[in-house]
Amino acid sequence: MGEHVEEPAAPRRSRATFLSVIGELLITIAVILGLFAVWQLYWTSYKVEGPRAQAVADFSKSAPLKAHTRRAPHRGPAGVYPDPRDR
């Protein structure tokens, strides 16, 4: 009646724990790199758009388009330019 029964020792889980830590680190690094890519593509474009639009507006005010611009050369049939030696 008073026999002592030993419980089996818990299995060692050091390898599973090591791999799970490595997996979590890789996932975290992937999320950080993804956020960096979003920042590079969208946020910097957003920040640059205002000064770019202002520069275009300033340039448009300083050099307005002329009403009569040079016409494109006449194209012959099928978009072929006429030979200038024929004149």
C-alpha atoms as a PDB file:
ATOM      1  CA  MET A   1       0.000   0.000   0.000  1.00  0.00           C
ATOM      2  CA  GLY A   2       2.637   2.521   0.705  1.00  0.00           C
ATOM      3  CA  GLU A   3       4.556   1.878  -2.466  1.00  0.00           C
ATOM      4  CA  HIS A   4       6.187   4.906  -4.010  1.00  0.00           C
ATOM      5  CA  VAL A   5       5.558   5.227  -7.752  1.00  0.00           C
ATOM      6  CA  GLU A   6       8.018   7.357  -9.647  1.00  0.00           C
ATOM      7  CA  GLU A   7       6.606   9.626 -12.298  1.00  0.00           C
ATOM      8  CA  PRO A   8       8.421   9.523 -15.609  1.00  0.00           C
ATOM      9  CA  ALA A   9      10.798  12.430 -16.199  1.00  0.00           C
ATOM     10  CA  ALA A  10       9.572  15.154 -18.524  1.00  0.00           C
ATOM     11  CA  PRO A  11      11.100  14.894 -21.998  1.00  0.00           C
ATOM     12  CA  ARG A  12      13.804  17.380 -22.806  1.00  0.00           C
ATOM     13  CA  ARG A  13      12.481  20.097 -25.064  1.00  0.00           C
ATOM     14  CA  SER A  14      15.603  22.168 -25.623  1.00  0.00           C
ATOM     15  CA  ARG A  15      15.696  21.519 -29.382  1.00  0.00           C
ATOM     16  CA  ALA A  16      12.045  22.454 -29.901  1.00  0.00           C
ATOM     17  CA  THR A  17      12.488  25.584 -27.809  1.00  0.00           C
ATOM     18  CA  PHE A  18      15.588  26.597 -29.780  1.00  0.00           C
ATOM     19  CA  LEU A  19      13.808  26.150 -33.124  1.00  0.00           C
ATOM     20  CA  SER A  20      10.751  28.059 -31.941  1.00  0.00           C
ATOM     21  CA  VAL A  21      12.950  30.982 -30.848  1.00  0.00           C
ATOM     22  CA  ILE A  22      14.695  31.001 -34.230  1.00  0.00           C
ATOM     23  CA  GLY A  23      11.323  30.897 -35.993  1.00  0.00           C
ATOM     24  CA  GLU A  24       9.980  33.794 -33.953  1.00  0.00           C
ATOM     25  CA  LEU A  25      13.094  35.832 -34.685  1.00  0.00           C
ATOM     26  CA  LEU A  26      12.785  35.185 -38.434  1.00  0.00           C
ATOM     27  CA  ILE A  27       9.128  36.222 -38.398  1.00  0.00           C
ATOM     28  CA  THR A  28       9.983  39.396 -36.482  1.00  0.00           C
ATOM     29  CA  ILE A  29      12.769  40.263 -38.926  1.00  0.00           C
ATOM     30  CA  ALA A  30      10.405  39.689 -41.878  1.00  0.00           C
ATOM     31  CA  VAL A  31       7.796  42.018 -40.367  1.00  0.00           C
ATOM     32  CA  ILE A  32      10.407  44.708 -39.734  1.00  0.00           C
ATOM     33  CA  LEU A  33      11.724  44.434 -43.305  1.00  0.00           C
ATOM     34  CA  GLY A  34       8.176  44.594 -44.655  1.00  0.00           C
ATOM     35  CA  LEU A  35       7.461  47.757 -42.697  1.00  0.00           C
ATOM     36  CA  PHE A  36      10.738  49.259 -43.941  1.00  0.00           C
ATOM     37  CA  ALA A  37       9.728  48.512 -47.543  1.00  0.00           C
ATOM     38  CA  VAL A  38       6.351  50.189 -47.031  1.00  0.00           C
ATOM     39  CA  TRP A  39       8.079  53.200 -45.536  1.00  0.00           C
ATOM     40  CA  GLN A  40      10.500  53.448 -48.449  1.00  0.00           C
ATOM     41  CA  LEU A  41       7.826  53.073 -51.118  1.00  0.00           C
ATOM     42  CA  TYR A  42       4.928  55.061 -49.763  1.00  0.00           C
ATOM     43  CA  TRP A  43       5.936  57.377 -46.964  1.00  0.00           C
ATOM     44  CA  THR A  44       8.939  58.907 -48.717  1.00  0.00           C
ATOM     45  CA  SER A  45       6.857  59.347 -51.886  1.00  0.00           C
ATOM     46  CA  TYR A  46       4.206  61.096 -49.801  1.00  0.00           C
ATOM     47  CA  LYS A  47       6.784  63.403 -48.215  1.00  0.00           C
ATOM     48  CA  VAL A  48       8.379  64.265 -51.579  1.00  0.00           C
ATOM     49  CA  GLU A  49       5.100  64.940 -53.403  1.00  0.00           C
ATOM     50  CA  GLY A  50       4.474  68.324 -51.761  1.00  0.00           C
ATOM     51  CA  PRO A  51       7.846  69.916 -52.598  1.00  0.00           C
ATOM     52  CA  ARG A  52       7.746  68.370 -56.087  1.00  0.00           C
ATOM     53  CA  ALA A  53       4.309  69.823 -56.810  1.00  0.00           C
ATOM     54  CA  GLN A  54       5.458  73.208 -55.507  1.00  0.00           C
ATOM     55  CA  ALA A  55       8.532  73.130 -57.751  1.00  0.00           C
ATOM     56  CA  VAL A  56       6.367  72.284 -60.782  1.00  0.00           C
ATOM     57  CA  ALA A  57       3.978  75.129 -59.940  1.00  0.00           C
ATOM     58  CA  ASP A  58       6.871  77.586 -59.532  1.00  0.00           C
ATOM     59  CA  PHE A  59       8.364  76.507 -62.847  1.00  0.00           C
ATOM     60  CA  SER A  60       4.994  76.813 -64.603  1.00  0.00           C
ATOM     61  CA  LYS A  61       4.633  80.394 -63.349  1.00  0.00           C
ATOM     62  CA  SER A  62       8.141  81.393 -64.425  1.00  0.00           C
ATOM     63  CA  ALA A  63       8.020  79.766 -67.884  1.00  0.00           C
ATOM     64  CA  PRO A  64       4.433  79.639 -69.199  1.00  0.00           C
ATOM     65  CA  LEU A  65       3.701  77.703 -72.351  1.00  0.00           C
ATOM     66  CA  LYS A  66       3.532  79.728 -75.538  1.00  0.00           C
ATOM     67  CA  ALA A  67       0.218  79.799 -77.365  1.00  0.00           C
ATOM     68  CA  HIS A  68       1.804  79.119 -80.748  1.00  0.00           C
ATOM     69  CA  THR A  69       4.278  76.320 -80.548  1.00  0.00           C
ATOM     70  CA  ARG A  70       6.196  74.826 -83.412  1.00  0.00           C
ATOM     71  CA  ARG A  71       4.146  72.328 -85.354  1.00  0.00           C
ATOM     72  CA  ALA A  72       5.246  68.769 -85.816  1.00  0.00           C
ATOM     73  CA  PRO A  73       6.586  67.912 -89.272  1.00  0.00           C
ATOM     74  CA  HIS A  74       4.083  66.605 -91.776  1.00  0.00           C
ATOM     75  CA  ARG A  75       3.974  62.859 -91.964  1.00  0.00           C
ATOM     76  CA  GLY A  76       3.346  61.070 -95.199  1.00  0.00           C
ATOM     77  CA  PRO A  77       1.275  57.929 -95.607  1.00  0.00           C
ATOM     78  CA  ALA A  78       1.614  55.320 -92.852  1.00  0.00           C
ATOM     79  CA  GLY A  79       3.515  57.714 -90.619  1.00  0.00           C
ATOM     80  CA  VAL A  80       6.558  57.951 -92.929  1.00  0.00           C
ATOM     81  CA  TYR A  81       8.369  61.276 -92.850  1.00  0.00           C
ATOM     82  CA  PRO A  82       8.886  62.811 -96.304  1.00  0.00           C
ATOM     83  CA  ASP A  83      12.444  62.884 -97.557  1.00  0.00           C
ATOM     84  CA  PRO A  84      13.849  66.431 -97.105  1.00  0.00           C
ATOM     85  CA  ARG A  85      15.873  66.069-100.342  1.00  0.00           C
ATOM     86  CA  ASP A  86      12.626  66.021-102.366  1.00  0.00           C
ATOM     87  CA  ARG A  87      11.979  69.726-101.711  1.00  0.00           C
END
